[in-house]
Amino acid sequence: MWIGCSDSKAPATEIVDMMPCEIFVHRNIGNLFVHTDINCLSVIQYAAEVLKVKHIIVCGHYGCAGIQTAFDNKDCGLIGNWLQHIKDVYRIHQVKIDTLVNKQEKIDLICELNVREQVSNIYHTTTVQNASESGQKLTVHDWVYDIKDGILKDINVCISGLDEMPNTHQIN
C-alpha cells in the first residue's frame, strides 16, 4: 500500500517500478495520516484486513506545496485546517529545524519529519496493531521522493512490530 501526496508529480507505480494495479494507493495533501480521517482509516483497514498487504509505504516528496504553504503560514482558507497537522510536525521538531539557516533545508527536513510522524500515526491505529498482534507481517516504511532527480530516499524509521512502539500507544 502507498500513501502519497496529491501533488506528487510521479505515479507510485513508476517510483517503485510496478505495473498499474499492483499497488494500492491513497493520496492526500501532504501525505498525512490523521487519526480522525475516516477515509484514510478505511483505506488502511481494507489494505490490512482484506488485501493482507505486507508493506505500507508513506512517501513524501521534496517540493511539496502543502509543506511549503504550512511553513510559510499563508492564509489558504479551509486547507489551512488540514495543513495544521504539518505545522504540528514543525512545532514538535522546532528546535532541530530552527538550527538550520537555509529555508529550503528547513522545508526539506519538515518533509522528512512529516513522513516519520505519519508512519508512527499509522502504526498507532487499532487496525495495524491488531494485524500485527494476529501474526500478520506488516511493516510501515517512510520514504521521500525527489521529483527533480527521481531519487527515492529511505528515512530508515520503518516499524514492523509492536515492540518498536512506545507503550503509551500499544493496545492491551
Protein backbone atom coordinates (compact mmCIF):
# COMPACT_ATOMS: atom_id res chain seq x y z
CA MET A 1 0.00 0.00 0.00
CA TRP A 2 1.16 3.52 -0.83
CA ILE A 3 0.19 6.71 0.99
CA GLY A 4 1.42 9.65 -1.02
CA CYS A 5 0.82 13.31 -1.64
CA SER A 6 -1.81 14.62 -4.03
CA ASP A 7 0.63 16.93 -5.79
CA SER A 8 3.42 14.40 -6.27
CA LYS A 9 4.17 14.52 -9.97
CA ALA A 10 5.07 10.84 -10.37
CA PRO A 11 2.76 7.83 -10.14
CA ALA A 12 3.52 5.44 -7.28
CA THR A 13 3.81 2.56 -9.75
CA GLU A 14 6.64 4.30 -11.60
CA ILE A 15 8.53 5.16 -8.43
CA VAL A 16 8.56 1.52 -7.26
CA ASP A 17 8.72 0.02 -10.77
CA MET A 18 5.44 -1.87 -10.55
CA MET A 19 2.64 -2.38 -13.02
CA PRO A 20 -0.64 -0.49 -12.62
CA CYS A 21 -2.97 -2.20 -10.12
CA GLU A 22 -0.08 -3.91 -8.29
CA ILE A 23 -0.07 -1.31 -5.54
CA PHE A 24 -3.00 0.03 -3.52
CA VAL A 25 -2.74 3.85 -3.45
CA HIS A 26 -4.16 6.56 -1.22
CA ARG A 27 -3.22 10.22 -1.72
CA ASN A 28 -3.95 13.42 0.14
CA ILE A 29 -2.33 16.80 0.60
CA GLY A 30 0.93 16.36 2.50
CA ASN A 31 0.69 12.51 2.61
CA LEU A 32 -0.86 12.89 6.05
CA PHE A 33 -2.36 10.14 8.16
CA VAL A 34 -4.75 11.80 10.59
CA HIS A 35 -6.45 9.63 13.22
CA THR A 36 -9.81 11.30 12.61
CA ASP A 37 -9.75 10.89 8.82
CA ILE A 38 -12.33 8.14 8.26
CA ASN A 39 -11.37 7.88 4.59
CA CYS A 40 -7.73 7.07 5.29
CA LEU A 41 -8.66 4.82 8.23
CA SER A 42 -10.97 2.87 5.91
CA VAL A 43 -8.25 2.53 3.29
CA ILE A 44 -5.80 1.22 5.92
CA GLN A 45 -8.36 -1.24 7.24
CA TYR A 46 -9.17 -2.53 3.75
CA ALA A 47 -5.48 -2.87 2.90
CA ALA A 48 -4.62 -4.71 6.12
CA GLU A 49 -7.71 -6.87 6.65
CA VAL A 50 -8.89 -7.62 3.12
CA LEU A 51 -5.83 -7.28 0.90
CA LYS A 52 -3.43 -8.51 3.64
CA VAL A 53 -0.73 -6.11 2.49
CA LYS A 54 2.70 -6.72 3.96
CA HIS A 55 4.02 -3.21 3.44
CA ILE A 56 2.54 0.24 3.88
CA ILE A 57 4.71 2.98 2.44
CA VAL A 58 4.31 6.61 3.41
CA CYS A 59 6.07 8.57 0.67
CA GLY A 60 6.51 12.30 0.88
CA HIS A 61 8.26 14.35 -1.75
CA TYR A 62 10.61 17.29 -1.77
CA GLY A 63 8.98 20.38 -3.24
CA CYS A 64 5.63 19.59 -1.60
CA ALA A 65 3.28 22.55 -1.94
CA GLY A 66 1.43 21.56 1.24
CA ILE A 67 4.59 21.63 3.34
CA GLN A 68 5.72 24.88 1.71
CA THR A 69 2.35 26.51 2.41
CA ALA A 70 2.29 25.31 6.03
CA PHE A 71 5.84 26.58 6.58
CA ASP A 72 5.06 29.98 5.06
CA ASN A 73 1.95 30.40 7.26
CA LYS A 74 -0.06 31.60 4.29
CA ASP A 75 -3.80 32.07 4.64
CA CYS A 76 -5.25 29.38 2.41
CA GLY A 77 -8.79 29.03 3.69
CA LEU A 78 -10.18 25.62 4.54
CA ILE A 79 -6.99 23.76 3.60
CA GLY A 80 -5.27 25.56 6.47
CA ASN A 81 -7.10 23.24 8.88
CA TRP A 82 -5.58 20.21 7.15
CA LEU A 83 -2.13 21.78 6.98
CA GLN A 84 -2.24 22.35 10.73
CA HIS A 85 -1.03 18.76 11.05
CA ILE A 86 2.16 19.72 9.20
CA LYS A 87 2.53 22.76 11.44
CA ASP A 88 2.29 20.38 14.40
CA VAL A 89 5.24 18.41 13.00
CA TYR A 90 7.18 21.68 12.80
CA ARG A 91 6.18 22.55 16.39
CA ILE A 92 7.24 19.15 17.72
CA HIS A 93 10.64 19.33 16.00
CA GLN A 94 11.13 23.10 16.01
CA VAL A 95 14.38 23.08 17.97
CA LYS A 96 16.01 20.76 15.41
CA ILE A 97 14.52 22.55 12.38
CA ASP A 98 15.46 26.01 13.59
CA THR A 99 19.13 25.06 13.86
CA LEU A 100 19.19 25.19 10.05
CA VAL A 101 19.72 28.56 8.40
CA ASN A 102 18.68 27.78 4.83
CA LYS A 103 14.92 27.95 4.29
CA GLN A 104 14.87 25.13 1.71
CA GLU A 105 16.82 22.85 4.04
CA LYS A 106 14.23 23.55 6.75
CA ILE A 107 11.36 22.71 4.39
CA ASP A 108 13.11 19.51 3.23
CA LEU A 109 13.66 18.46 6.86
CA ILE A 110 10.00 19.12 7.66
CA CYS A 111 9.12 16.91 4.69
CA GLU A 112 11.23 14.07 6.12
CA LEU A 113 9.99 14.55 9.69
CA ASN A 114 6.40 14.66 8.46
CA VAL A 115 6.83 11.26 6.83
CA ARG A 116 8.26 9.86 10.08
CA GLU A 117 5.31 11.18 12.06
CA GLN A 118 2.82 9.65 9.63
CA VAL A 119 4.49 6.23 9.89
CA SER A 120 4.12 6.44 13.64
CA ASN A 121 0.49 7.56 13.32
CA ILE A 122 -0.33 4.60 11.10
CA TYR A 123 1.22 2.08 13.46
CA HIS A 124 -0.77 3.56 16.33
CA THR A 125 -4.07 2.53 14.71
CA THR A 126 -6.06 -0.38 16.08
CA THR A 127 -6.21 -1.91 12.60
CA VAL A 128 -2.44 -2.13 12.17
CA GLN A 129 -1.83 -3.19 15.76
CA ASN A 130 -4.49 -5.91 15.54
CA ALA A 131 -2.95 -7.19 12.30
CA SER A 132 0.46 -7.31 13.95
CA GLU A 133 -0.94 -8.95 17.09
CA SER A 134 -2.59 -11.65 14.99
CA GLY A 135 0.75 -12.53 13.38
CA GLN A 136 0.27 -10.73 10.07
CA LYS A 137 3.60 -9.46 8.79
CA LEU A 138 3.05 -5.74 8.26
CA THR A 139 5.79 -3.14 8.01
CA VAL A 140 5.24 0.60 7.67
CA HIS A 141 8.00 2.38 5.73
CA ASP A 142 8.99 6.02 5.36
CA TRP A 143 10.33 7.31 2.07
CA VAL A 144 10.84 10.68 0.44
CA TYR A 145 10.92 11.11 -3.32
CA ASP A 146 12.90 13.86 -5.04
CA ILE A 147 10.90 14.99 -8.05
CA LYS A 148 13.92 16.82 -9.51
CA ASP A 149 16.23 13.81 -9.86
CA GLY A 150 13.98 10.79 -9.27
CA ILE A 151 15.94 9.61 -6.23
CA LEU A 152 13.96 7.77 -3.58
CA LYS A 153 15.29 8.24 -0.03
CA ASP A 154 14.58 5.73 2.72
CA ILE A 155 14.34 7.64 6.01
CA ASN A 156 15.04 4.33 7.86
CA VAL A 157 12.45 4.56 10.59
CA CYS A 158 10.16 1.75 9.46
CA ILE A 159 8.06 -0.04 12.07
CA SER A 160 7.36 -3.74 11.80
CA GLY A 161 6.22 -4.76 15.25
CA LEU A 162 4.50 -3.64 18.42
CA ASP A 163 7.77 -3.89 20.33
CA GLU A 164 9.04 -0.92 18.28
CA MET A 165 6.30 1.37 19.61
CA PRO A 166 6.10 3.23 22.90
CA ASN A 167 3.86 1.55 25.47
CA THR A 168 1.62 4.62 25.53
CA HIS A 169 0.33 3.74 22.07
CA GLN A 170 0.05 -0.05 22.37
CA ILE A 171 -3.36 -1.63 22.66
CA ASN A 172 -3.64 -4.07 25.54
